Amino acid sequence: MSPLRWDVLAVSFLLTLPLLALGLRGDLSTHDVVTRVPWCLAAGWGVVALLRWAGTPRPPAGSSLADEDPGPAAP
């Protein structure tokens, strides 16, 4: 999964908003804000990856590709 997908960027932007607010208020220097923004991108990627993994339906417990009947044999 690319870290530049729209959903990853949207979550990363939401995670960056408090950081930008602290920078604008003067609690963090510009250097601190710039060095922490990539961590927000990584955290956004992790959140989206976890949600996509959790939202993927699982195959039924007893089925696998080896157990399936290939169908009738051609004459």
PDB file of N, CA and C in Angstrom:
ATOM      1  N   MET A   1       0.847  -1.166   0.000  1.00  0.00           N
ATOM      2  CA  MET A   1       0.000   0.000   0.000  1.00  0.00           C
ATOM      3  C   MET A   1       0.899   1.238   0.000  1.00  0.00           C
ATOM      4  N   SER A   2       0.629   2.108  -0.906  1.00  0.00           N
ATOM      5  CA  SER A   2       1.425   3.317  -1.058  1.00  0.00           C
ATOM      6  C   SER A   2       1.157   4.295   0.094  1.00  0.00           C
ATOM      7  N   PRO A   3       2.211   4.938   0.620  1.00  0.00           N
ATOM      8  CA  PRO A   3       1.979   5.932   1.666  1.00  0.00           C
ATOM      9  C   PRO A   3       1.417   7.242   1.124  1.00  0.00           C
ATOM     10  N   LEU A   4       1.240   7.356  -0.187  1.00  0.00           N
ATOM     11  CA  LEU A   4       0.704   8.584  -0.761  1.00  0.00           C
ATOM     12  C   LEU A   4      -0.710   8.403  -1.292  1.00  0.00           C
ATOM     13  N   ARG A   5      -1.441   7.426  -0.780  1.00  0.00           N
ATOM     14  CA  ARG A   5      -2.848   7.255  -1.136  1.00  0.00           C
ATOM     15  C   ARG A   5      -3.645   8.377  -0.492  1.00  0.00           C
ATOM     16  N   TRP A   6      -4.817   8.677  -1.062  1.00  0.00           N
ATOM     17  CA  TRP A   6      -5.611   9.792  -0.549  1.00  0.00           C
ATOM     18  C   TRP A   6      -6.082   9.547   0.879  1.00  0.00           C
ATOM     19  N   ASP A   7      -6.424   8.296   1.225  1.00  0.00           N
ATOM     20  CA  ASP A   7      -6.896   8.032   2.578  1.00  0.00           C
ATOM     21  C   ASP A   7      -5.771   8.154   3.601  1.00  0.00           C
ATOM     22  N   VAL A   8      -4.562   7.728   3.221  1.00  0.00           N
ATOM     23  CA  VAL A   8      -3.414   7.871   4.117  1.00  0.00           C
ATOM     24  C   VAL A   8      -3.094   9.348   4.318  1.00  0.00           C
ATOM     25  N   LEU A   9      -3.126  10.115   3.237  1.00  0.00           N
ATOM     26  CA  LEU A   9      -2.835  11.541   3.355  1.00  0.00           C
ATOM     27  C   LEU A   9      -3.892  12.268   4.186  1.00  0.00           C
ATOM     28  N   ALA A  10      -5.150  11.865   4.056  1.00  0.00           N
ATOM     29  CA  ALA A  10      -6.213  12.504   4.838  1.00  0.00           C
ATOM     30  C   ALA A  10      -6.047  12.223   6.330  1.00  0.00           C
ATOM     31  N   VAL A  11      -5.772  10.977   6.684  1.00  0.00           N
ATOM     32  CA  VAL A  11      -5.569  10.639   8.104  1.00  0.00           C
ATOM     33  C   VAL A  11      -4.308  11.323   8.622  1.00  0.00           C
ATOM     34  N   SER A  12      -3.262  11.370   7.817  1.00  0.00           N
ATOM     35  CA  SER A  12      -2.025  12.035   8.226  1.00  0.00           C
ATOM     36  C   SER A  12      -2.256  13.528   8.459  1.00  0.00           C
ATOM     37  N   PHE A  13      -3.056  14.146   7.595  1.00  0.00           N
ATOM     38  CA  PHE A  13      -3.364  15.562   7.783  1.00  0.00           C
ATOM     39  C   PHE A  13      -4.124  15.780   9.094  1.00  0.00           C
ATOM     40  N   LEU A  14      -5.070  14.887   9.400  1.00  0.00           N
ATOM     41  CA  LEU A  14      -5.806  15.019  10.664  1.00  0.00           C
ATOM     42  C   LEU A  14      -4.881  14.849  11.870  1.00  0.00           C
ATOM     43  N   LEU A  15      -3.902  13.954  11.738  1.00  0.00           N
ATOM     44  CA  LEU A  15      -2.952  13.763  12.834  1.00  0.00           C
ATOM     45  C   LEU A  15      -1.963  14.923  12.931  1.00  0.00           C
ATOM     46  N   THR A  16      -1.758  15.656  11.853  1.00  0.00           N
ATOM     47  CA  THR A  16      -0.820  16.768  11.838  1.00  0.00           C
ATOM     48  C   THR A  16      -1.451  18.060  12.369  1.00  0.00           C
ATOM     49  N   LEU A  17      -2.769  18.167  12.352  1.00  0.00           N
ATOM     50  CA  LEU A  17      -3.429  19.402  12.790  1.00  0.00           C
ATOM     51  C   LEU A  17      -3.035  19.841  14.206  1.00  0.00           C
ATOM     52  N   PRO A  18      -3.030  18.970  15.207  1.00  0.00           N
ATOM     53  CA  PRO A  18      -2.597  19.427  16.538  1.00  0.00           C
ATOM     54  C   PRO A  18      -1.131  19.876  16.555  1.00  0.00           C
ATOM     55  N   LEU A  19      -0.309  19.207  15.780  1.00  0.00           N
ATOM     56  CA  LEU A  19       1.093  19.581  15.692  1.00  0.00           C
ATOM     57  C   LEU A  19       1.254  20.976  15.084  1.00  0.00           C
ATOM     58  N   LEU A  20       0.503  21.237  14.018  1.00  0.00           N
ATOM     59  CA  LEU A  20       0.547  22.565  13.402  1.00  0.00           C
ATOM     60  C   LEU A  20       0.004  23.629  14.343  1.00  0.00           C
ATOM     61  N   ALA A  21      -1.024  23.288  15.100  1.00  0.00           N
ATOM     62  CA  ALA A  21      -1.586  24.243  16.060  1.00  0.00           C
ATOM     63  C   ALA A  21      -0.564  24.580  17.150  1.00  0.00           C
ATOM     64  N   LEU A  22       0.163  23.591  17.628  1.00  0.00           N
ATOM     65  CA  LEU A  22       1.199  23.853  18.631  1.00  0.00           C
ATOM     66  C   LEU A  22       2.322  24.708  18.043  1.00  0.00           C
ATOM     67  N   GLY A  23       2.619  24.493  16.760  1.00  0.00           N
ATOM     68  CA  GLY A  23       3.639  25.310  16.117  1.00  0.00           C
ATOM     69  C   GLY A  23       3.188  26.742  15.943  1.00  0.00           C
ATOM     70  N   LEU A  24       1.922  26.940  15.567  1.00  0.00           N
ATOM     71  CA  LEU A  24       1.411  28.298  15.392  1.00  0.00           C
ATOM     72  C   LEU A  24       1.268  29.041  16.720  1.00  0.00           C
ATOM     73  N   ARG A  25       0.968  28.297  17.771  1.00  0.00           N
ATOM     74  CA  ARG A  25       0.811  28.916  19.085  1.00  0.00           C
ATOM     75  C   ARG A  25       2.159  29.285  19.704  1.00  0.00           C
ATOM     76  N   GLY A  26       3.239  28.674  19.196  1.00  0.00           N
ATOM     77  CA  GLY A  26       4.577  28.983  19.695  1.00  0.00           C
ATOM     78  C   GLY A  26       5.117  27.985  20.686  1.00  0.00           C
ATOM     79  N   ASP A  27       4.389  26.912  20.947  1.00  0.00           N
ATOM     80  CA  ASP A  27       4.876  25.902  21.889  1.00  0.00           C
ATOM     81  C   ASP A  27       5.977  25.035  21.277  1.00  0.00           C
ATOM     82  N   LEU A  28       5.960  24.869  19.958  1.00  0.00           N
ATOM     83  CA  LEU A  28       6.984  24.108  19.259  1.00  0.00           C
ATOM     84  C   LEU A  28       7.672  25.007  18.238  1.00  0.00           C
ATOM     85  N   SER A  29       8.971  24.799  18.070  1.00  0.00           N
ATOM     86  CA  SER A  29       9.696  25.569  17.061  1.00  0.00           C
ATOM     87  C   SER A  29       9.400  24.993  15.679  1.00  0.00           C
ATOM     88  N   THR A  30       9.766  25.746  14.662  1.00  0.00           N
ATOM     89  CA  THR A  30       9.566  25.283  13.289  1.00  0.00           C
ATOM     90  C   THR A  30      10.335  23.999  13.036  1.00  0.00           C
ATOM     91  N   HIS A  31      11.527  23.910  13.604  1.00  0.00           N
ATOM     92  CA  HIS A  31      12.337  22.690  13.438  1.00  0.00           C
ATOM     93  C   HIS A  31      11.624  21.482  14.048  1.00  0.00           C
ATOM     94  N   ASP A  32      11.042  21.655  15.213  1.00  0.00           N
ATOM     95  CA  ASP A  32      10.320  20.556  15.859  1.00  0.00           C
ATOM     96  C   ASP A  32       9.122  20.115  15.016  1.00  0.00           C
ATOM     97  N   VAL A  33       8.389  21.069  14.483  1.00  0.00           N
ATOM     98  CA  VAL A  33       7.210  20.746  13.669  1.00  0.00           C
ATOM     99  C   VAL A  33       7.632  19.990  12.414  1.00  0.00           C
ATOM    100  N   VAL A  34       8.663  20.484  11.747  1.00  0.00           N
ATOM    101  CA  VAL A  34       9.106  19.865  10.483  1.00  0.00           C
ATOM    102  C   VAL A  34       9.646  18.462  10.720  1.00  0.00           C
ATOM    103  N   THR A  35      10.328  18.242  11.834  1.00  0.00           N
ATOM    104  CA  THR A  35      10.872  16.906  12.084  1.00  0.00           C
ATOM    105  C   THR A  35       9.807  15.914  12.539  1.00  0.00           C
ATOM    106  N   ARG A  36       8.663  16.400  13.029  1.00  0.00           N
ATOM    107  CA  ARG A  36       7.609  15.491  13.492  1.00  0.00           C
ATOM    108  C   ARG A  36       6.538  15.199  12.449  1.00  0.00           C
ATOM    109  N   VAL A  37       6.478  15.973  11.385  1.00  0.00           N
ATOM    110  CA  VAL A  37       5.477  15.748  10.339  1.00  0.00           C
ATOM    111  C   VAL A  37       5.643  14.377   9.666  1.00  0.00           C
ATOM    112  N   PRO A  38       6.874  13.920   9.354  1.00  0.00           N
ATOM    113  CA  PRO A  38       6.985  12.556   8.776  1.00  0.00           C
ATOM    114  C   PRO A  38       6.454  11.461   9.702  1.00  0.00           C
ATOM    115  N   TRP A  39       6.545  11.674  11.003  1.00  0.00           N
ATOM    116  CA  TRP A  39       5.983  10.692  11.933  1.00  0.00           C
ATOM    117  C   TRP A  39       4.461  10.646  11.838  1.00  0.00           C
ATOM    118  N   CYS A  40       3.860  11.791  11.545  1.00  0.00           N
ATOM    119  CA  CYS A  40       2.408  11.823  11.340  1.00  0.00           C
ATOM    120  C   CYS A  40       2.038  11.049  10.072  1.00  0.00           C
ATOM    121  N   LEU A  41       2.853  11.168   9.031  1.00  0.00           N
ATOM    122  CA  LEU A  41       2.618  10.399   7.808  1.00  0.00           C
ATOM    123  C   LEU A  41       2.745   8.898   8.079  1.00  0.00           C
ATOM    124  N   ALA A  42       3.761   8.510   8.834  1.00  0.00           N
ATOM    125  CA  ALA A  42       3.934   7.098   9.173  1.00  0.00           C
ATOM    126  C   ALA A  42       2.778   6.589  10.036  1.00  0.00           C
ATOM    127  N   ALA A  43       2.339   7.398  10.982  1.00  0.00           N
ATOM    128  CA  ALA A  43       1.213   6.995  11.830  1.00  0.00           C
ATOM    129  C   ALA A  43      -0.071   6.892  11.014  1.00  0.00           C
ATOM    130  N   GLY A  44      -0.275   7.804  10.073  1.00  0.00           N
ATOM    131  CA  GLY A  44      -1.449   7.731   9.202  1.00  0.00           C
ATOM    132  C   GLY A  44      -1.440   6.480   8.362  1.00  0.00           C
ATOM    133  N   TRP A  45      -0.268   6.121   7.841  1.00  0.00           N
ATOM    134  CA  TRP A  45      -0.141   4.898   7.052  1.00  0.00           C
ATOM    135  C   TRP A  45      -0.452   3.680   7.928  1.00  0.00           C
ATOM    136  N   GLY A  46       0.044   3.679   9.160  1.00  0.00           N
ATOM    137  CA  GLY A  46      -0.214   2.561  10.066  1.00  0.00           C
ATOM    138  C   GLY A  46      -1.686   2.431  10.424  1.00  0.00           C
ATOM    139  N   VAL A  47      -2.339   3.547  10.664  1.00  0.00           N
ATOM    140  CA  VAL A  47      -3.770   3.525  10.999  1.00  0.00           C
ATOM    141  C   VAL A  47      -4.586   2.979   9.836  1.00  0.00           C
ATOM    142  N   VAL A  48      -4.313   3.465   8.623  1.00  0.00           N
ATOM    143  CA  VAL A  48      -5.067   3.000   7.456  1.00  0.00           C
ATOM    144  C   VAL A  48      -4.776   1.533   7.175  1.00  0.00           C
ATOM    145  N   ALA A  49      -3.534   1.109   7.321  1.00  0.00           N
ATOM    146  CA  ALA A  49      -3.195  -0.302   7.105  1.00  0.00           C
ATOM    147  C   ALA A  49      -3.919  -1.196   8.110  1.00  0.00           C
ATOM    148  N   LEU A  50      -3.968  -0.764   9.370  1.00  0.00           N
ATOM    149  CA  LEU A  50      -4.659  -1.550  10.390  1.00  0.00           C
ATOM    150  C   LEU A  50      -6.158  -1.614  10.126  1.00  0.00           C
ATOM    151  N   LEU A  51      -6.756  -0.492   9.738  1.00  0.00           N
ATOM    152  CA  LEU A  51      -8.189  -0.492   9.453  1.00  0.00           C
ATOM    153  C   LEU A  51      -8.522  -1.322   8.213  1.00  0.00           C
ATOM    154  N   ARG A  52      -7.670  -1.266   7.193  1.00  0.00           N
ATOM    155  CA  ARG A  52      -7.915  -2.082   6.000  1.00  0.00           C
ATOM    156  C   ARG A  52      -7.764  -3.576   6.321  1.00  0.00           C
ATOM    157  N   TRP A  53      -6.788  -3.916   7.177  1.00  0.00           N
ATOM    158  CA  TRP A  53      -6.609  -5.311   7.573  1.00  0.00           C
ATOM    159  C   TRP A  53      -7.807  -5.799   8.386  1.00  0.00           C
ATOM    160  N   ALA A  54      -8.271  -4.960   9.322  1.00  0.00           N
ATOM    161  CA  ALA A  54      -9.401  -5.350  10.171  1.00  0.00           C
ATOM    162  C   ALA A  54     -10.706  -5.412   9.384  1.00  0.00           C
ATOM    163  N   GLY A  55     -10.818  -4.632   8.328  1.00  0.00           N
ATOM    164  CA  GLY A  55     -12.049  -4.604   7.552  1.00  0.00           C
ATOM    165  C   GLY A  55     -12.121  -5.625   6.435  1.00  0.00           C
ATOM    166  N   THR A  56     -11.043  -6.357   6.198  1.00  0.00           N
ATOM    167  CA  THR A  56     -11.034  -7.361   5.137  1.00  0.00           C
ATOM    168  C   THR A  56     -11.763  -8.609   5.616  1.00  0.00           C
ATOM    169  N   PRO A  57     -12.763  -9.080   4.869  1.00  0.00           N
ATOM    170  CA  PRO A  57     -13.474 -10.289   5.297  1.00  0.00           C
ATOM    171  C   PRO A  57     -12.563 -11.514   5.230  1.00  0.00           C
ATOM    172  N   ARG A  58     -12.735 -12.380   6.171  1.00  0.00           N
ATOM    173  CA  ARG A  58     -11.940 -13.607   6.248  1.00  0.00           C
ATOM    174  C   ARG A  58     -12.641 -14.719   5.481  1.00  0.00           C
ATOM    175  N   PRO A  59     -11.879 -15.628   4.868  1.00  0.00           N
ATOM    176  CA  PRO A  59     -12.510 -16.768   4.202  1.00  0.00           C
ATOM    177  C   PRO A  59     -13.119 -17.704   5.245  1.00  0.00           C
ATOM    178  N   PRO A  60     -14.113 -18.491   4.858  1.00  0.00           N
ATOM    179  CA  PRO A  60     -14.689 -19.451   5.809  1.00  0.00           C
ATOM    180  C   PRO A  60     -13.617 -20.407   6.332  1.00  0.00           C
ATOM    181  N   ALA A  61     -13.811 -20.875   7.550  1.00  0.00           N
ATOM    182  CA  ALA A  61     -12.781 -21.652   8.234  1.00  0.00           C
ATOM    183  C   ALA A  61     -12.455 -22.964   7.535  1.00  0.00           C
ATOM    184  N   GLY A  62     -13.440 -23.654   6.982  1.00  0.00           N
ATOM    185  CA  GLY A  62     -13.187 -24.974   6.425  1.00  0.00           C
ATOM    186  C   GLY A  62     -12.817 -24.989   4.954  1.00  0.00           C
ATOM    187  N   SER A  63     -12.777 -23.858   4.301  1.00  0.00           N
ATOM    188  CA  SER A  63     -12.528 -23.885   2.857  1.00  0.00           C
ATOM    189  C   SER A  63     -11.095 -23.486   2.542  1.00  0.00           C
ATOM    190  N   SER A  64     -10.563 -24.132   1.543  1.00  0.00           N
ATOM    191  CA  SER A  64      -9.270 -23.755   0.985  1.00  0.00           C
ATOM    192  C   SER A  64      -9.308 -24.119  -0.492  1.00  0.00           C
ATOM    193  N   LEU A  65      -8.375 -23.640  -1.243  1.00  0.00           N
ATOM    194  CA  LEU A  65      -8.364 -23.905  -2.672  1.00  0.00           C
ATOM    195  C   LEU A  65      -8.129 -25.377  -2.984  1.00  0.00           C
ATOM    196  N   ALA A  66      -7.405 -26.085  -2.130  1.00  0.00           N
ATOM    197  CA  ALA A  66      -7.122 -27.502  -2.371  1.00  0.00           C
ATOM    198  C   ALA A  66      -8.361 -28.360  -2.135  1.00  0.00           C
ATOM    199  N   ASP A  67      -9.283 -27.926  -1.298  1.00  0.00           N
ATOM    200  CA  ASP A  67     -10.472 -28.717  -0.982  1.00  0.00           C
ATOM    201  C   ASP A  67     -11.570 -28.566  -2.013  1.00  0.00           C
ATOM    202  N   GLU A  68     -11.498 -27.584  -2.881  1.00  0.00           N
ATOM    203  CA  GLU A  68     -12.577 -27.329  -3.822  1.00  0.00           C
ATOM    204  C   GLU A  68     -12.588 -28.382  -4.924  1.00  0.00           C
ATOM    205  N   ASP A  69     -13.804 -28.714  -5.362  1.00  0.00           N
ATOM    206  CA  ASP A  69     -13.981 -29.664  -6.458  1.00  0.00           C
ATOM    207  C   ASP A  69     -13.680 -28.931  -7.759  1.00  0.00           C
ATOM    208  N   PRO A  70     -12.775 -29.453  -8.583  1.00  0.00           N
ATOM    209  CA  PRO A  70     -12.440 -28.744  -9.810  1.00  0.00           C
ATOM    210  C   PRO A  70     -13.549 -28.761 -10.849  1.00  0.00           C
ATOM    211  N   GLY A  71     -14.583 -29.530 -10.609  1.00  0.00           N
ATOM    212  CA  GLY A  71     -15.700 -29.606 -11.564  1.00  0.00           C
ATOM    213  C   GLY A  71     -15.592 -30.883 -12.381  1.00  0.00           C
ATOM    214  N   PRO A  72     -16.571 -31.095 -13.258  1.00  0.00           N
ATOM    215  CA  PRO A  72     -16.552 -32.314 -14.069  1.00  0.00           C
ATOM    216  C   PRO A  72     -15.390 -32.293 -15.060  1.00  0.00           C
ATOM    217  N   ALA A  73     -14.834 -33.459 -15.263  1.00  0.00           N
ATOM    218  CA  ALA A  73     -13.712 -33.584 -16.193  1.00  0.00           C
ATOM    219  C   ALA A  73     -14.234 -33.520 -17.626  1.00  0.00           C
ATOM    220  N   ALA A  74     -13.460 -32.899 -18.475  1.00  0.00           N
ATOM    221  CA  ALA A  74     -13.839 -32.820 -19.898  1.00  0.00           C
ATOM    222  C   ALA A  74     -13.650 -34.177 -20.573  1.00  0.00           C
ATOM    223  N   PRO A  75     -14.567 -34.563 -21.450  1.00  0.00           N
ATOM    224  CA  PRO A  75     -14.428 -35.888 -22.091  1.00  0.00           C
ATOM    225  C   PRO A  75     -13.298 -35.939 -23.087  1.00  0.00           C
TER     226      PRO A  75
END
